Amino acid sequence: MNYIGSKVRLSQWIKDEITQRVGGALHDKVFCDIFAGTGTIGRVFKKFVKKVISNDIEEYSYILCRNYIQNHEPITNASDLLYELNLLPLREDGFIYKNYCLGSGSGRQYFSDENGKKIDAARNAINDWKAGGKIDNDTYYFLLASLLESADKVANTTSVYGAFLKYLKLSAQKSMNILPSFFELNNNAHEAYQEESNVLIRKIRGDILYLDPPYNERQYGANYHILNTIAKYDNFTPEGKTGMRKYYRSNYCKKQKVLDSFEDLIKNADFKYIFLSYNNEGLMSENEIRQIMQKYGGYDLVKKAHQRYKADNKRAYKADLTLEYLHILYK
């Protein structure tokens, strides 16, 4: 998934830095990714640590992490279930088609008519299968994650869902094929949460805490509202031209609140090692972060040049580079 703030390209660097700082031995460590997003960093560490604790307040993120992190044993009949979903008759009375496809008269074109109807058919079937006992919780989240990622691949947007395109782009014209969101198999139990980070931090403890909060004022609930709507699949009245739903507003996206929220998180974290991913264009400055973290233990900082997030695939130049910071606290 093309995701704002994604750490896919930085994941090996982050893993290497964390592994080096904690002394190399990870097998007995509890690792927490408390602003998990699509779960990239938790997935990297899952096979190396004793347990991963994953958390994100957004519904779509929880579903992805509930599958990629908490699921760790094989899903029975996964291929057969996906085959069934892909062969379902299209639904013309579903929420996505009625509200986010042009052919329904909604005025919105987040998906082609066919793909909107297919999303509705699959989403209803997954709910029905769960209610009827055909699938268990692990399978439910596996199928939902598979649907979310497959729908995202055919969305008619420039990666985020703040707006749709006037005409269907080539990838959006393709018929959606629901592909499996396979996860790492292992013998360890892991946990996925959907809570406000500053609330959850008071309930958990571990060894390594990784922080990747929002850097700026863009709220993730607005940028990915369609994915939340597919995830929740509830009844509400879409608002405005984009069909927005009410969304959670993080204090980490508010200049007047971010420093207090960050210090509260650090202060209440029962973890020995704390790593914060941030960049040189965030709401908190390098010096502000240092001043807060130094209150609670030994501090260090490493930096790496990184390509700026772009919502399209235009070529990147040196001016498109930003500095990624990894702030380190030995608490």
Protein backbone atom coordinates (compact mmCIF):
# COMPACT_ATOMS: atom_id res chain seq x y z
CA MET A 1 0.00 0.00 0.00
CA ASN A 2 1.33 3.45 -0.97
CA TYR A 3 1.12 5.03 2.47
CA ILE A 4 2.07 8.44 3.88
CA GLY A 5 5.03 8.00 6.19
CA SER A 6 5.60 4.40 5.12
CA LYS A 7 8.83 2.95 6.51
CA VAL A 8 9.20 0.20 3.91
CA ARG A 9 12.32 1.74 2.37
CA LEU A 10 13.76 2.60 5.78
CA SER A 11 12.82 -0.62 7.55
CA GLN A 12 16.20 -2.35 7.22
CA TRP A 13 18.03 0.76 8.44
CA ILE A 14 15.65 1.05 11.41
CA LYS A 15 16.00 -2.65 12.24
CA ASP A 16 19.79 -2.48 12.07
CA GLU A 17 19.96 0.59 14.30
CA ILE A 18 17.58 -0.86 16.88
CA THR A 19 19.32 -4.24 16.91
CA GLN A 20 22.71 -2.60 17.41
CA ARG A 21 21.48 -0.36 20.25
CA VAL A 22 19.89 -3.19 22.25
CA GLY A 23 22.95 -5.41 21.92
CA GLY A 24 21.87 -7.74 19.13
CA ALA A 25 19.77 -10.21 21.17
CA LEU A 26 16.09 -9.82 20.26
CA HIS A 27 14.64 -13.28 20.90
CA ASP A 28 13.66 -12.48 24.50
CA LYS A 29 12.42 -8.94 23.82
CA VAL A 30 8.90 -7.49 23.74
CA PHE A 31 8.69 -4.98 20.88
CA CYS A 32 5.91 -2.39 20.66
CA ASP A 33 4.95 -0.36 17.58
CA ILE A 34 2.38 2.03 19.05
CA PHE A 35 1.65 4.11 15.90
CA ALA A 36 1.65 1.10 13.61
CA GLY A 37 0.00 2.36 10.40
CA THR A 38 0.22 -0.53 7.96
CA GLY A 39 2.38 -2.48 10.42
CA THR A 40 5.61 -2.38 8.41
CA ILE A 41 8.06 -2.18 11.32
CA GLY A 42 6.19 -4.65 13.52
CA ARG A 43 6.20 -7.11 10.64
CA VAL A 44 9.96 -6.74 10.28
CA PHE A 45 10.54 -7.56 13.94
CA LYS A 46 7.85 -10.25 14.29
CA LYS A 47 10.09 -13.22 13.52
CA PHE A 48 12.96 -12.01 15.68
CA VAL A 49 11.35 -11.02 19.01
CA LYS A 50 9.40 -12.81 21.71
CA LYS A 51 6.29 -10.71 21.15
CA VAL A 52 5.14 -7.76 19.08
CA ILE A 53 2.56 -5.35 20.48
CA SER A 54 0.98 -3.39 17.64
CA ASN A 55 -1.41 -0.46 17.96
CA ASP A 56 -3.14 2.17 15.87
CA ILE A 57 -6.34 4.14 16.44
CA GLU A 58 -7.54 3.87 12.83
CA GLU A 59 -9.87 1.01 11.94
CA TYR A 60 -8.18 0.07 8.66
CA SER A 61 -4.80 0.02 10.39
CA TYR A 62 -6.08 -2.19 13.19
CA ILE A 63 -7.43 -4.68 10.66
CA LEU A 64 -4.13 -4.81 8.80
CA CYS A 65 -2.13 -5.26 12.02
CA ARG A 66 -4.63 -7.70 13.51
CA ASN A 67 -3.87 -9.84 10.47
CA TYR A 68 -0.16 -9.19 9.88
CA ILE A 69 0.91 -9.09 13.54
CA GLN A 70 -1.56 -11.02 15.71
CA ASN A 71 -2.24 -13.78 13.21
CA HIS A 72 0.65 -16.23 13.35
CA GLU A 73 -0.82 -19.65 12.51
CA PRO A 74 -2.03 -20.88 9.08
CA ILE A 75 -5.54 -19.92 7.92
CA THR A 76 -7.56 -22.99 7.01
CA ASN A 77 -8.98 -22.94 3.48
CA ALA A 78 -7.59 -19.45 2.79
CA SER A 79 -7.31 -20.05 -0.95
CA ASP A 80 -10.81 -21.52 -1.20
CA LEU A 81 -12.36 -18.60 0.68
CA LEU A 82 -10.64 -16.01 -1.50
CA TYR A 83 -11.73 -17.94 -4.57
CA GLU A 84 -15.33 -17.73 -3.35
CA LEU A 85 -15.06 -14.00 -2.71
CA ASN A 86 -13.73 -13.36 -6.20
CA LEU A 87 -16.62 -15.26 -7.81
CA LEU A 88 -19.46 -13.57 -5.91
CA PRO A 89 -22.19 -11.87 -7.96
CA LEU A 90 -21.84 -8.08 -7.98
CA ARG A 91 -24.06 -6.14 -5.57
CA GLU A 92 -25.83 -3.01 -6.76
CA ASP A 93 -27.37 -2.13 -3.38
CA GLY A 94 -24.15 -1.86 -1.38
CA PHE A 95 -22.83 1.17 0.49
CA ILE A 96 -19.61 1.64 -1.48
CA TYR A 97 -21.27 1.52 -4.89
CA LYS A 98 -24.15 3.80 -3.85
CA ASN A 99 -21.89 6.45 -2.30
CA TYR A 100 -18.49 6.26 -4.00
CA CYS A 101 -19.08 5.20 -7.61
CA LEU A 102 -20.17 7.43 -10.48
CA GLY A 103 -22.77 5.08 -11.96
CA SER A 104 -24.90 5.24 -8.83
CA GLY A 105 -25.43 8.97 -9.26
CA SER A 106 -23.40 9.84 -6.17
CA GLY A 107 -21.16 12.21 -8.13
CA ARG A 108 -18.11 10.49 -6.61
CA GLN A 109 -15.69 8.19 -8.43
CA TYR A 110 -13.37 6.54 -5.95
CA PHE A 111 -13.87 3.18 -7.69
CA SER A 112 -15.16 1.95 -11.01
CA ASP A 113 -18.78 0.78 -10.85
CA GLU A 114 -17.70 -2.84 -11.18
CA ASN A 115 -15.12 -2.63 -8.43
CA GLY A 116 -17.47 -0.77 -6.09
CA LYS A 117 -20.06 -3.52 -6.51
CA LYS A 118 -17.40 -6.17 -6.01
CA ILE A 119 -16.16 -4.54 -2.78
CA ASP A 120 -19.73 -4.51 -1.47
CA ALA A 121 -20.29 -8.15 -2.38
CA ALA A 122 -17.11 -9.27 -0.65
CA ARG A 123 -17.59 -7.08 2.42
CA ASN A 124 -21.14 -8.36 2.98
CA ALA A 125 -20.04 -11.96 2.49
CA ILE A 126 -17.23 -11.64 5.04
CA ASN A 127 -19.72 -10.29 7.59
CA ASP A 128 -22.20 -13.06 6.81
CA TRP A 129 -19.56 -15.77 7.07
CA LYS A 130 -18.45 -14.46 10.44
CA ALA A 131 -22.00 -14.16 11.80
CA GLY A 132 -22.87 -17.64 10.53
CA GLY A 133 -19.79 -19.31 12.06
CA LYS A 134 -18.21 -20.20 8.74
CA ILE A 135 -15.01 -18.34 9.67
CA ASP A 136 -13.26 -17.55 12.97
CA ASN A 137 -11.76 -14.24 14.09
CA ASP A 138 -8.33 -14.90 12.61
CA THR A 139 -9.83 -15.72 9.22
CA TYR A 140 -12.18 -12.73 9.42
CA TYR A 141 -9.26 -10.30 9.79
CA PHE A 142 -7.22 -12.09 7.15
CA LEU A 143 -10.03 -11.71 4.62
CA LEU A 144 -10.70 -8.10 5.60
CA ALA A 145 -7.03 -7.19 5.27
CA SER A 146 -6.94 -8.90 1.88
CA LEU A 147 -9.99 -6.93 0.74
CA LEU A 148 -8.64 -3.59 1.98
CA GLU A 149 -5.29 -3.96 0.26
CA SER A 150 -6.88 -5.24 -2.96
CA ALA A 151 -9.41 -2.38 -3.01
CA ASP A 152 -6.63 0.13 -2.48
CA LYS A 153 -4.85 -1.14 -5.59
CA VAL A 154 -7.83 -0.19 -7.81
CA ALA A 155 -8.80 3.06 -6.08
CA ASN A 156 -9.18 6.04 -8.39
CA THR A 157 -7.00 8.40 -6.36
CA THR A 158 -3.46 9.74 -6.18
CA SER A 159 -2.76 7.31 -3.32
CA VAL A 160 -4.60 9.20 -0.56
CA TYR A 161 -8.39 9.52 -0.36
CA GLY A 162 -8.72 13.25 0.20
CA ALA A 163 -10.04 13.45 -3.37
CA PHE A 164 -10.88 11.23 -6.32
CA LEU A 165 -9.79 11.67 -9.93
CA LYS A 166 -12.13 13.08 -12.57
CA TYR A 167 -11.44 10.21 -14.96
CA LEU A 168 -10.65 6.58 -14.14
CA LYS A 169 -6.91 6.04 -14.25
CA LEU A 170 -5.56 2.83 -15.79
CA SER A 171 -5.11 0.94 -12.53
CA ALA A 172 -8.65 1.86 -11.44
CA GLN A 173 -10.05 0.46 -14.69
CA LYS A 174 -8.75 -3.00 -13.86
CA SER A 175 -11.12 -5.52 -12.33
CA MET A 176 -10.30 -6.01 -8.66
CA ASN A 177 -8.83 -9.38 -7.77
CA ILE A 178 -8.81 -10.03 -4.02
CA LEU A 179 -5.32 -11.31 -3.27
CA PRO A 180 -4.17 -12.84 0.03
CA SER A 181 -2.52 -10.69 2.70
CA PHE A 182 -0.13 -13.39 3.87
CA PHE A 183 1.50 -12.92 7.27
CA GLU A 184 4.60 -14.26 9.00
CA LEU A 185 4.02 -17.68 10.60
CA ASN A 186 5.66 -18.46 13.94
CA ASN A 187 5.01 -20.03 17.34
CA ASN A 188 4.83 -16.79 19.33
CA ALA A 189 1.64 -15.01 20.34
CA HIS A 190 1.41 -11.33 19.40
CA GLU A 191 -1.10 -8.57 20.20
CA ALA A 192 -2.86 -5.89 18.14
CA TYR A 193 -4.73 -2.99 19.76
CA GLN A 194 -6.89 -0.13 18.56
CA GLU A 195 -6.46 2.52 21.23
CA GLU A 196 -5.24 6.08 21.64
CA SER A 197 -1.49 5.72 22.13
CA ASN A 198 -1.28 7.82 25.31
CA VAL A 199 -4.00 5.68 26.89
CA LEU A 200 -2.52 2.33 25.87
CA ILE A 201 1.00 3.23 27.05
CA ARG A 202 -0.27 3.14 30.65
CA LYS A 203 -1.47 -0.46 30.23
CA ILE A 204 1.50 -2.18 28.59
CA ARG A 205 5.17 -2.78 29.25
CA GLY A 206 8.07 -4.26 27.31
CA ASP A 207 11.65 -3.79 26.18
CA ILE A 208 11.63 -1.82 22.92
CA LEU A 209 9.15 0.94 22.12
CA TYR A 210 9.11 2.21 18.54
CA LEU A 211 7.31 5.50 17.87
CA ASP A 212 6.29 6.69 14.41
CA PRO A 213 3.62 9.35 15.07
CA PRO A 214 2.23 11.72 12.44
CA TYR A 215 4.77 14.40 11.53
CA ASN A 216 2.45 17.17 10.35
CA GLU A 217 -1.15 18.40 10.42
CA ARG A 218 -2.53 15.87 7.93
CA GLN A 219 -4.97 13.64 9.78
CA TYR A 220 -4.78 9.98 8.74
CA GLY A 221 -8.50 9.47 9.32
CA ALA A 222 -9.20 12.02 6.58
CA ASN A 223 -6.54 10.82 4.16
CA TYR A 224 -7.75 7.21 4.37
CA HIS A 225 -11.45 7.66 5.14
CA ILE A 226 -12.58 5.30 2.38
CA LEU A 227 -10.51 2.46 3.82
CA ASN A 228 -12.08 3.13 7.22
CA THR A 229 -15.51 3.02 5.61
CA ILE A 230 -14.81 -0.34 3.98
CA ALA A 231 -13.37 -1.57 7.28
CA LYS A 232 -16.25 -0.40 9.47
CA TYR A 233 -18.96 -0.93 6.84
CA ASP A 234 -21.45 1.01 8.93
CA ASN A 235 -24.32 3.29 8.00
CA PHE A 236 -23.65 7.02 8.00
CA THR A 237 -24.33 9.97 5.73
CA PRO A 238 -21.22 10.78 3.66
CA GLU A 239 -20.44 14.48 3.76
CA GLY A 240 -19.45 16.83 0.94
CA LYS A 241 -17.93 16.20 -2.43
CA THR A 242 -15.52 13.54 -1.09
CA GLY A 243 -18.06 11.67 1.03
CA MET A 244 -16.05 12.20 4.19
CA ARG A 245 -16.98 10.52 7.47
CA LYS A 246 -16.28 11.85 10.96
CA TYR A 247 -12.73 10.95 11.83
CA TYR A 248 -10.37 10.84 14.80
CA ARG A 249 -8.16 13.93 15.17
CA SER A 250 -4.77 13.14 16.69
CA ASN A 251 -3.01 15.55 19.04
CA TYR A 252 0.19 14.63 17.23
CA CYS A 253 -1.16 16.56 14.24
CA LYS A 254 -1.76 19.72 16.31
CA LYS A 255 1.12 22.14 16.85
CA GLN A 256 -0.31 23.41 20.13
CA LYS A 257 -0.71 19.93 21.64
CA VAL A 258 1.97 17.70 20.15
CA LEU A 259 4.79 18.47 22.63
CA ASP A 260 2.65 17.83 25.71
CA SER A 261 1.30 14.61 24.20
CA PHE A 262 4.78 13.42 23.27
CA GLU A 263 6.24 14.08 26.71
CA ASP A 264 3.26 12.36 28.37
CA LEU A 265 3.93 9.29 26.21
CA ILE A 266 7.65 9.19 27.02
CA LYS A 267 7.07 9.80 30.72
CA ASN A 268 4.61 6.92 31.07
CA ALA A 269 6.41 4.39 28.84
CA ASP A 270 7.55 1.32 30.78
CA PHE A 271 10.19 0.38 28.20
CA LYS A 272 13.97 0.43 28.46
CA TYR A 273 14.68 1.41 24.84
CA ILE A 274 12.62 4.03 23.02
CA PHE A 275 13.11 4.89 19.34
CA LEU A 276 11.31 7.76 17.63
CA SER A 277 11.13 8.07 13.84
CA TYR A 278 10.63 11.67 12.81
CA ASN A 279 11.94 14.04 10.15
CA ASN A 280 13.32 17.53 9.78
CA GLU A 281 9.97 18.95 8.61
CA GLY A 282 7.80 17.75 11.49
CA LEU A 283 5.76 19.78 13.97
CA MET A 284 8.34 19.03 16.67
CA SER A 285 11.85 20.30 16.08
CA GLU A 286 14.98 18.25 16.61
CA ASN A 287 15.88 20.38 19.63
CA GLU A 288 12.39 20.12 21.19
CA ILE A 289 12.49 16.33 20.94
CA ARG A 290 15.98 16.19 22.40
CA GLN A 291 15.03 18.38 25.35
CA ILE A 292 12.09 16.16 26.24
CA MET A 293 13.85 12.82 25.83
CA GLN A 294 16.95 13.89 27.76
CA LYS A 295 14.80 14.36 30.86
CA TYR A 296 14.20 10.61 31.03
CA GLY A 297 17.57 9.00 30.29
CA GLY A 298 20.48 8.75 27.87
CA TYR A 299 19.84 10.24 24.45
CA ASP A 300 21.27 9.73 20.98
CA LEU A 301 20.33 10.60 17.41
CA VAL A 302 21.05 9.17 13.97
CA LYS A 303 19.97 10.62 10.63
CA LYS A 304 19.45 9.34 7.11
CA ALA A 305 18.56 11.09 3.85
CA HIS A 306 15.23 9.78 2.61
CA GLN A 307 12.99 10.39 -0.40
CA ARG A 308 10.05 12.61 0.41
CA TYR A 309 6.57 11.03 0.16
CA LYS A 310 4.93 11.78 -3.18
CA ALA A 311 1.34 11.00 -4.07
CA ASP A 312 2.28 10.27 -7.68
CA ASN A 313 5.09 8.41 -9.40
CA LYS A 314 7.01 11.38 -10.77
CA ARG A 315 10.76 11.09 -10.72
CA ALA A 316 12.46 12.23 -7.53
CA TYR A 317 15.38 14.66 -7.48
CA LYS A 318 17.74 15.77 -4.73
CA ALA A 319 15.29 18.52 -3.77
CA ASP A 320 12.78 15.78 -2.97
CA LEU A 321 14.98 14.37 -0.23
CA THR A 322 14.31 14.93 3.44
CA LEU A 323 16.20 13.89 6.57
CA GLU A 324 14.76 11.01 8.55
CA TYR A 325 15.66 11.16 12.25
CA LEU A 326 15.86 8.22 14.61
CA HIS A 327 15.85 9.64 18.13
CA ILE A 328 17.03 7.14 20.74
CA LEU A 329 16.35 7.05 24.47
CA TYR A 330 17.84 4.64 27.01
CA LYS A 331 15.25 5.16 29.71
